[in-house]
Each structure stands twice: as structure tokens, then as C-alpha cells.
Amino acid sequence: MLRIFRKKTDDCSDAELVSLYKKSGDTAYLGTLYERYTELVYGVCLKILKNESEAQDAFMTVFEKLLVKVKTQEIKDFRPWLHVLVKNQCFEILRKRSKHLTVSYETEFMQSEEVVHPYFEDSSLEREKILTQCLEQLNVEQKQCVQLFYYQGKTYKEIASLKDEAVGKIRSYIQNGRRNLKMCIEKREAAL
């Protein structure tokens, strides 16, 4: 019966559905919107996580986050905004996963607009040794920030608060540290 009073959603633009959800709080509007992007969301989750079960969990978690974030954030273009949200959720899962792994690395890095995260797979002793040696070559700030971000799962904001620095400075330490690590690792592997 309620459906009679609700605007027909199939013809609504993304922006209209966002607006209708913000005004009414009716999750059906958000559900319709999310349905439009299920392939995109699941595809990104599967590509990043490389695990069907984790991808399905991330898919559901993204919808739960949408219920809150859509109400509180200004969204100019839903599709790219959603894409960033999905990638960040996946990177959060990877950071949590990496806490349970031994210190390891992968020379390929995945990148998004907001977060950069290495995908940890290999745990050979030789690679761990190289990583440890290269970490020691970073300057103090880069080393501390890289360890806090990748191995302790801290966010840029949390690290900035701990170190009493601006978030932009922390982002710079992490990006430069990651670049320097990658160059060091490649150089040492080439020498083997």
C-alpha cells in the first residue's frame, strides 16, 4: 500500500534517488540505487580482495555504510563516489588481513584516489629480509608512517594525531616511503 504513495523509482536519476532517500529515510530508494551498481560493486570487491566470500561480505558492508553515509555526505555524482567508497572498504579489509600476516610485501601496488595499499601475498624469508633491509633505509618519518599505516592498520588521520602532524604531511610520508621501498626492493631483487 505504501508503494502507491512512493514515487516510481525506475525512472529516477541517481541524484533524485539520493535526494528522496535523504528526505524520507526510505531504504527502498537506496536499494533501487544500489541495484543499479551491483555488478560494479561486486566486481571491484572481487578484483581487489580476490576472494569470493570476502567480496560478498564487503558487498553487504558497503550497503550498510551507504545507509549512513548517503544521509550525511554531499554527493555530486553517485557512481564515482560509490566506486571510491567500495575501494576504501576493500582496502580496509586488506589492512586488517595484513595484520595477521607475517611481514611481507608485493612489488605491485594497487592505487585509488584516497588510499594506496600494497597487496600482501608472498611471505618467503628472502623477500622478508629484503623488505626489512629496505625499511631500515627509509628516513625516520617515512619508516614510522609506513609501519603505522600498513602493519598497524592506522588511518592517515590517526597517524597525524599520533605524530601531531597535518594529514597531508602524513600522506606524503607514506607515498614517498612506499615509492622508496619499491625502488629499493626492485634494486635488491635485480641484484640477486
C-alpha atoms as a PDB file:
ATOM      1  CA  MET A   1       0.000   0.000   0.000  1.00  0.00           C
ATOM      2  CA  LEU A   2       2.852   2.372   0.792  1.00  0.00           C
ATOM      3  CA  ARG A   3       4.191   1.831  -2.732  1.00  0.00           C
ATOM      4  CA  ILE A   4       1.230   3.809  -4.135  1.00  0.00           C
ATOM      5  CA  PHE A   5       2.466   6.996  -2.490  1.00  0.00           C
ATOM      6  CA  ARG A   6       6.127   6.427  -3.265  1.00  0.00           C
ATOM      7  CA  LYS A   7       7.479   7.949  -6.472  1.00  0.00           C
ATOM      8  CA  LYS A   8       8.153   5.399  -9.227  1.00  0.00           C
ATOM      9  CA  THR A   9      11.887   4.817  -8.850  1.00  0.00           C
ATOM     10  CA  ASP A  10      12.842   3.144 -12.139  1.00  0.00           C
ATOM     11  CA  ASP A  11      12.785   6.458 -13.992  1.00  0.00           C
ATOM     12  CA  CYS A  12      14.587   8.473 -11.297  1.00  0.00           C
ATOM     13  CA  SER A  13      18.144   9.648 -11.767  1.00  0.00           C
ATOM     14  CA  ASP A  14      20.800   8.737  -9.212  1.00  0.00           C
ATOM     15  CA  ALA A  15      20.651  12.273  -7.806  1.00  0.00           C
ATOM     16  CA  GLU A  16      16.862  12.055  -7.424  1.00  0.00           C
ATOM     17  CA  LEU A  17      17.095   8.732  -5.588  1.00  0.00           C
ATOM     18  CA  VAL A  18      19.746  10.144  -3.247  1.00  0.00           C
ATOM     19  CA  SER A  19      17.522  13.150  -2.568  1.00  0.00           C
ATOM     20  CA  LEU A  20      14.431  11.012  -1.999  1.00  0.00           C
ATOM     21  CA  TYR A  21      16.336   8.788   0.438  1.00  0.00           C
ATOM     22  CA  LYS A  22      17.715  11.788   2.339  1.00  0.00           C
ATOM     23  CA  LYS A  23      14.242  13.314   2.646  1.00  0.00           C
ATOM     24  CA  SER A  24      12.253  10.197   3.502  1.00  0.00           C
ATOM     25  CA  GLY A  25      14.756   7.778   5.001  1.00  0.00           C
ATOM     26  CA  ASP A  26      13.020   5.056   2.958  1.00  0.00           C
ATOM     27  CA  THR A  27      15.646   2.419   2.213  1.00  0.00           C
ATOM     28  CA  ALA A  28      13.754   1.297  -0.892  1.00  0.00           C
ATOM     29  CA  TYR A  29      15.140   4.359  -2.706  1.00  0.00           C
ATOM     30  CA  LEU A  30      18.667   3.466  -1.710  1.00  0.00           C
ATOM     31  CA  GLY A  31      18.027  -0.193  -2.594  1.00  0.00           C
ATOM     32  CA  THR A  32      16.958   0.788  -6.103  1.00  0.00           C
ATOM     33  CA  LEU A  33      20.054   2.923  -6.479  1.00  0.00           C
ATOM     34  CA  TYR A  34      22.389   0.201  -5.181  1.00  0.00           C
ATOM     35  CA  GLU A  35      20.795  -2.360  -7.503  1.00  0.00           C
ATOM     36  CA  ARG A  36      21.936  -0.267 -10.477  1.00  0.00           C
ATOM     37  CA  TYR A  37      25.552  -0.736  -9.439  1.00  0.00           C
ATOM     38  CA  THR A  38      25.636  -4.282  -8.040  1.00  0.00           C
ATOM     39  CA  GLU A  39      27.896  -5.556 -10.837  1.00  0.00           C
ATOM     40  CA  LEU A  40      30.296  -2.639 -10.391  1.00  0.00           C
ATOM     41  CA  VAL A  41      30.424  -3.026  -6.597  1.00  0.00           C
ATOM     42  CA  TYR A  42      30.853  -6.797  -6.576  1.00  0.00           C
ATOM     43  CA  GLY A  43      33.339  -6.659  -9.464  1.00  0.00           C
ATOM     44  CA  VAL A  44      35.564  -4.143  -7.669  1.00  0.00           C
ATOM     45  CA  CYS A  45      35.367  -6.148  -4.424  1.00  0.00           C
ATOM     46  CA  LEU A  46      36.309  -9.384  -6.185  1.00  0.00           C
ATOM     47  CA  LYS A  47      39.121  -7.758  -8.160  1.00  0.00           C
ATOM     48  CA  ILE A  48      40.735  -6.220  -5.068  1.00  0.00           C
ATOM     49  CA  LEU A  49      40.073  -8.944  -2.498  1.00  0.00           C
ATOM     50  CA  LYS A  50      40.478 -11.950  -4.836  1.00  0.00           C
ATOM     51  CA  ASN A  51      38.230 -13.965  -2.523  1.00  0.00           C
ATOM     52  CA  GLU A  52      34.528 -14.610  -3.208  1.00  0.00           C
ATOM     53  CA  SER A  53      33.487 -14.857   0.420  1.00  0.00           C
ATOM     54  CA  GLU A  54      35.255 -11.631   1.402  1.00  0.00           C
ATOM     55  CA  ALA A  55      33.879  -9.909  -1.714  1.00  0.00           C
ATOM     56  CA  GLN A  56      30.316 -10.893  -0.752  1.00  0.00           C
ATOM     57  CA  ASP A  57      30.850  -9.633   2.805  1.00  0.00           C
ATOM     58  CA  ALA A  58      32.307  -6.365   1.504  1.00  0.00           C
ATOM     59  CA  PHE A  59      29.364  -6.017  -0.887  1.00  0.00           C
ATOM     60  CA  MET A  60      26.920  -6.190   2.055  1.00  0.00           C
ATOM     61  CA  THR A  61      29.045  -3.927   4.260  1.00  0.00           C
ATOM     62  CA  VAL A  62      29.107  -1.250   1.559  1.00  0.00           C
ATOM     63  CA  PHE A  63      25.305  -1.170   1.534  1.00  0.00           C
ATOM     64  CA  GLU A  64      25.230  -0.864   5.326  1.00  0.00           C
ATOM     65  CA  LYS A  65      27.681   2.042   5.121  1.00  0.00           C
ATOM     66  CA  LEU A  66      25.568   3.660   2.420  1.00  0.00           C
ATOM     67  CA  LEU A  67      22.591   3.774   4.772  1.00  0.00           C
ATOM     68  CA  VAL A  68      24.534   6.228   6.951  1.00  0.00           C
ATOM     69  CA  LYS A  69      26.931   7.975   4.571  1.00  0.00           C
ATOM     70  CA  VAL A  70      24.373   8.961   1.941  1.00  0.00           C
ATOM     71  CA  LYS A  71      22.439  10.889   4.610  1.00  0.00           C
ATOM     72  CA  THR A  72      25.488  12.736   5.911  1.00  0.00           C
ATOM     73  CA  GLN A  73      27.636  13.438   2.840  1.00  0.00           C
ATOM     74  CA  GLU A  74      27.165  15.708  -0.123  1.00  0.00           C
ATOM     75  CA  ILE A  75      27.231  13.549  -3.241  1.00  0.00           C
ATOM     76  CA  LYS A  76      27.599  15.298  -6.578  1.00  0.00           C
ATOM     77  CA  ASP A  77      27.959  12.223  -8.772  1.00  0.00           C
ATOM     78  CA  PHE A  78      26.914   8.940  -7.150  1.00  0.00           C
ATOM     79  CA  ARG A  79      28.734   6.411  -9.335  1.00  0.00           C
ATOM     80  CA  PRO A  80      32.333   7.678  -8.800  1.00  0.00           C
ATOM     81  CA  TRP A  81      31.545   8.434  -5.139  1.00  0.00           C
ATOM     82  CA  LEU A  82      30.337   4.843  -4.682  1.00  0.00           C
ATOM     83  CA  HIS A  83      33.390   3.497  -6.508  1.00  0.00           C
ATOM     84  CA  VAL A  84      35.728   5.254  -4.035  1.00  0.00           C
ATOM     85  CA  LEU A  85      33.644   4.021  -1.077  1.00  0.00           C
ATOM     86  CA  VAL A  86      33.865   0.426  -2.340  1.00  0.00           C
ATOM     87  CA  LYS A  87      37.626   0.593  -2.904  1.00  0.00           C
ATOM     88  CA  ASN A  88      38.194   2.095   0.543  1.00  0.00           C
ATOM     89  CA  GLN A  89      36.132  -0.674   2.134  1.00  0.00           C
ATOM     90  CA  CYS A  90      38.219  -3.286   0.340  1.00  0.00           C
ATOM     91  CA  PHE A  91      41.494  -1.615   1.331  1.00  0.00           C
ATOM     92  CA  GLU A  92      40.284  -1.564   4.934  1.00  0.00           C
ATOM     93  CA  ILE A  93      39.749  -5.329   4.717  1.00  0.00           C
ATOM     94  CA  LEU A  94      43.226  -5.776   3.216  1.00  0.00           C
ATOM     95  CA  ARG A  95      44.787  -3.746   6.030  1.00  0.00           C
ATOM     96  CA  LYS A  96      43.014  -5.907   8.607  1.00  0.00           C
ATOM     97  CA  ARG A  97      44.086  -9.028   6.733  1.00  0.00           C
ATOM     98  CA  SER A  98      47.700  -7.851   6.662  1.00  0.00           C
ATOM     99  CA  LYS A  99      47.751  -7.575  10.451  1.00  0.00           C
ATOM    100  CA  HIS A 100      47.508 -11.362  10.569  1.00  0.00           C
ATOM    101  CA  LEU A 101      50.292 -11.998   8.068  1.00  0.00           C
ATOM    102  CA  THR A 102      53.996 -12.045   8.698  1.00  0.00           C
ATOM    103  CA  VAL A 103      55.870  -9.026   7.400  1.00  0.00           C
ATOM    104  CA  SER A 104      55.776  -9.443   3.641  1.00  0.00           C
ATOM    105  CA  TYR A 105      55.247  -7.411   0.528  1.00  0.00           C
ATOM    106  CA  GLU A 106      54.333  -7.443  -3.121  1.00  0.00           C
ATOM    107  CA  THR A 107      56.178  -5.169  -5.545  1.00  0.00           C
ATOM    108  CA  GLU A 108      52.969  -4.295  -7.342  1.00  0.00           C
ATOM    109  CA  PHE A 109      50.829  -1.690  -5.647  1.00  0.00           C
ATOM    110  CA  MET A 110      47.120  -1.002  -6.034  1.00  0.00           C
ATOM    111  CA  GLN A 111      46.136   2.633  -6.040  1.00  0.00           C
ATOM    112  CA  SER A 112      42.980   4.664  -5.502  1.00  0.00           C
ATOM    113  CA  GLU A 113      42.305   8.356  -5.195  1.00  0.00           C
ATOM    114  CA  GLU A 114      42.383   8.275  -1.413  1.00  0.00           C
ATOM    115  CA  VAL A 115      44.250   5.210  -0.244  1.00  0.00           C
ATOM    116  CA  VAL A 116      47.227   3.304  -1.544  1.00  0.00           C
ATOM    117  CA  HIS A 117      47.755  -0.187  -0.247  1.00  0.00           C
ATOM    118  CA  PRO A 118      50.159  -2.983  -1.147  1.00  0.00           C
ATOM    119  CA  TYR A 119      48.635  -6.388  -1.694  1.00  0.00           C
ATOM    120  CA  PHE A 120      50.452  -8.847   0.534  1.00  0.00           C
ATOM    121  CA  GLU A 121      50.825 -12.378  -0.780  1.00  0.00           C
ATOM    122  CA  ASP A 122      54.375 -13.667  -0.679  1.00  0.00           C
ATOM    123  CA  SER A 123      55.925 -14.483   2.685  1.00  0.00           C
ATOM    124  CA  SER A 124      59.262 -16.001   1.657  1.00  0.00           C
ATOM    125  CA  LEU A 125      62.142 -15.420   4.048  1.00  0.00           C
ATOM    126  CA  GLU A 126      64.279 -13.801   1.347  1.00  0.00           C
ATOM    127  CA  ARG A 127      61.605 -11.262   0.497  1.00  0.00           C
ATOM    128  CA  GLU A 128      61.028 -10.509   4.183  1.00  0.00           C
ATOM    129  CA  LYS A 129      64.752  -9.941   4.600  1.00  0.00           C
ATOM    130  CA  ILE A 130      64.830  -7.542   1.640  1.00  0.00           C
ATOM    131  CA  LEU A 131      61.787  -5.670   2.944  1.00  0.00           C
ATOM    132  CA  THR A 132      63.313  -5.330   6.404  1.00  0.00           C
ATOM    133  CA  GLN A 133      66.577  -4.019   4.930  1.00  0.00           C
ATOM    134  CA  CYS A 134      64.742  -1.534   2.719  1.00  0.00           C
ATOM    135  CA  LEU A 135      62.526  -0.349   5.586  1.00  0.00           C
ATOM    136  CA  GLU A 136      65.692   0.448   7.544  1.00  0.00           C
ATOM    137  CA  GLN A 137      66.895   2.663   4.691  1.00  0.00           C
ATOM    138  CA  LEU A 138      63.827   4.932   4.836  1.00  0.00           C
ATOM    139  CA  ASN A 139      64.094   8.171   6.759  1.00  0.00           C
ATOM    140  CA  VAL A 140      62.578   8.045  10.245  1.00  0.00           C
ATOM    141  CA  GLU A 141      59.296   9.772   9.346  1.00  0.00           C
ATOM    142  CA  GLN A 142      58.635   7.614   6.278  1.00  0.00           C
ATOM    143  CA  LYS A 143      59.505   4.419   8.142  1.00  0.00           C
ATOM    144  CA  GLN A 144      57.242   5.207  11.108  1.00  0.00           C
ATOM    145  CA  CYS A 145      54.306   6.260   8.930  1.00  0.00           C
ATOM    146  CA  VAL A 146      54.609   3.254   6.605  1.00  0.00           C
ATOM    147  CA  GLN A 147      54.707   0.868   9.573  1.00  0.00           C
ATOM    148  CA  LEU A 148      51.755   2.547  11.303  1.00  0.00           C
ATOM    149  CA  PHE A 149      49.668   2.562   8.113  1.00  0.00           C
ATOM    150  CA  TYR A 150      50.426  -0.854   6.623  1.00  0.00           C
ATOM    151  CA  TYR A 151      51.260  -3.005   9.621  1.00  0.00           C
ATOM    152  CA  GLN A 152      49.161  -1.465  12.375  1.00  0.00           C
ATOM    153  CA  GLY A 153      46.201  -0.502  10.167  1.00  0.00           C
ATOM    154  CA  LYS A 154      46.124   3.142  11.276  1.00  0.00           C
ATOM    155  CA  THR A 155      44.416   5.727   9.084  1.00  0.00           C
ATOM    156  CA  TYR A 156      46.101   8.901   7.857  1.00  0.00           C
ATOM    157  CA  LYS A 157      44.066  10.838  10.404  1.00  0.00           C
ATOM    158  CA  GLU A 158      45.060   8.558  13.293  1.00  0.00           C
ATOM    159  CA  ILE A 159      48.741   8.790  12.349  1.00  0.00           C
ATOM    160  CA  ALA A 160      48.503  12.575  12.021  1.00  0.00           C
ATOM    161  CA  SER A 161      47.026  12.747  15.504  1.00  0.00           C
ATOM    162  CA  LEU A 162      49.708  10.450  16.962  1.00  0.00           C
ATOM    163  CA  LYS A 163      52.537  12.400  15.363  1.00  0.00           C
ATOM    164  CA  ASP A 164      50.916  15.845  15.740  1.00  0.00           C
ATOM    165  CA  GLU A 165      51.289  16.499  12.007  1.00  0.00           C
ATOM    166  CA  ALA A 166      48.952  17.539   9.190  1.00  0.00           C
ATOM    167  CA  VAL A 167      47.162  14.728   7.326  1.00  0.00           C
ATOM    168  CA  GLY A 168      48.720  15.923   4.047  1.00  0.00           C
ATOM    169  CA  LYS A 169      52.195  15.562   5.520  1.00  0.00           C
ATOM    170  CA  ILE A 170      51.408  12.002   6.659  1.00  0.00           C
ATOM    171  CA  ARG A 171      50.056  11.141   3.208  1.00  0.00           C
ATOM    172  CA  SER A 172      53.292  12.472   1.705  1.00  0.00           C
ATOM    173  CA  TYR A 173      55.477  10.424   4.096  1.00  0.00           C
ATOM    174  CA  ILE A 174      53.549   7.258   3.239  1.00  0.00           C
ATOM    175  CA  GLN A 175      53.569   7.821  -0.528  1.00  0.00           C
ATOM    176  CA  ASN A 176      57.260   8.739  -0.608  1.00  0.00           C
ATOM    177  CA  GLY A 177      58.110   5.859   1.723  1.00  0.00           C
ATOM    178  CA  ARG A 178      56.201   3.409  -0.451  1.00  0.00           C
ATOM    179  CA  ARG A 179      57.922   4.712  -3.602  1.00  0.00           C
ATOM    180  CA  ASN A 180      61.364   4.492  -1.954  1.00  0.00           C
ATOM    181  CA  LEU A 181      60.611   0.965  -0.691  1.00  0.00           C
ATOM    182  CA  LYS A 182      59.556  -0.158  -4.144  1.00  0.00           C
ATOM    183  CA  MET A 183      62.729   1.222  -5.756  1.00  0.00           C
ATOM    184  CA  CYS A 184      64.938  -0.348  -3.064  1.00  0.00           C
ATOM    185  CA  ILE A 185      63.192  -3.716  -3.354  1.00  0.00           C
ATOM    186  CA  GLU A 186      63.442  -3.766  -7.149  1.00  0.00           C
ATOM    187  CA  LYS A 187      67.127  -2.829  -6.990  1.00  0.00           C
ATOM    188  CA  ARG A 188      67.933  -5.577  -4.466  1.00  0.00           C
ATOM    189  CA  GLU A 189      65.894  -8.216  -6.314  1.00  0.00           C
ATOM    190  CA  ALA A 190      67.656  -7.333  -9.577  1.00  0.00           C
ATOM    191  CA  ALA A 191      70.990  -7.892  -7.824  1.00  0.00           C
ATOM    192  CA  LEU A 192      70.021 -11.434  -6.745  1.00  0.00           C
END
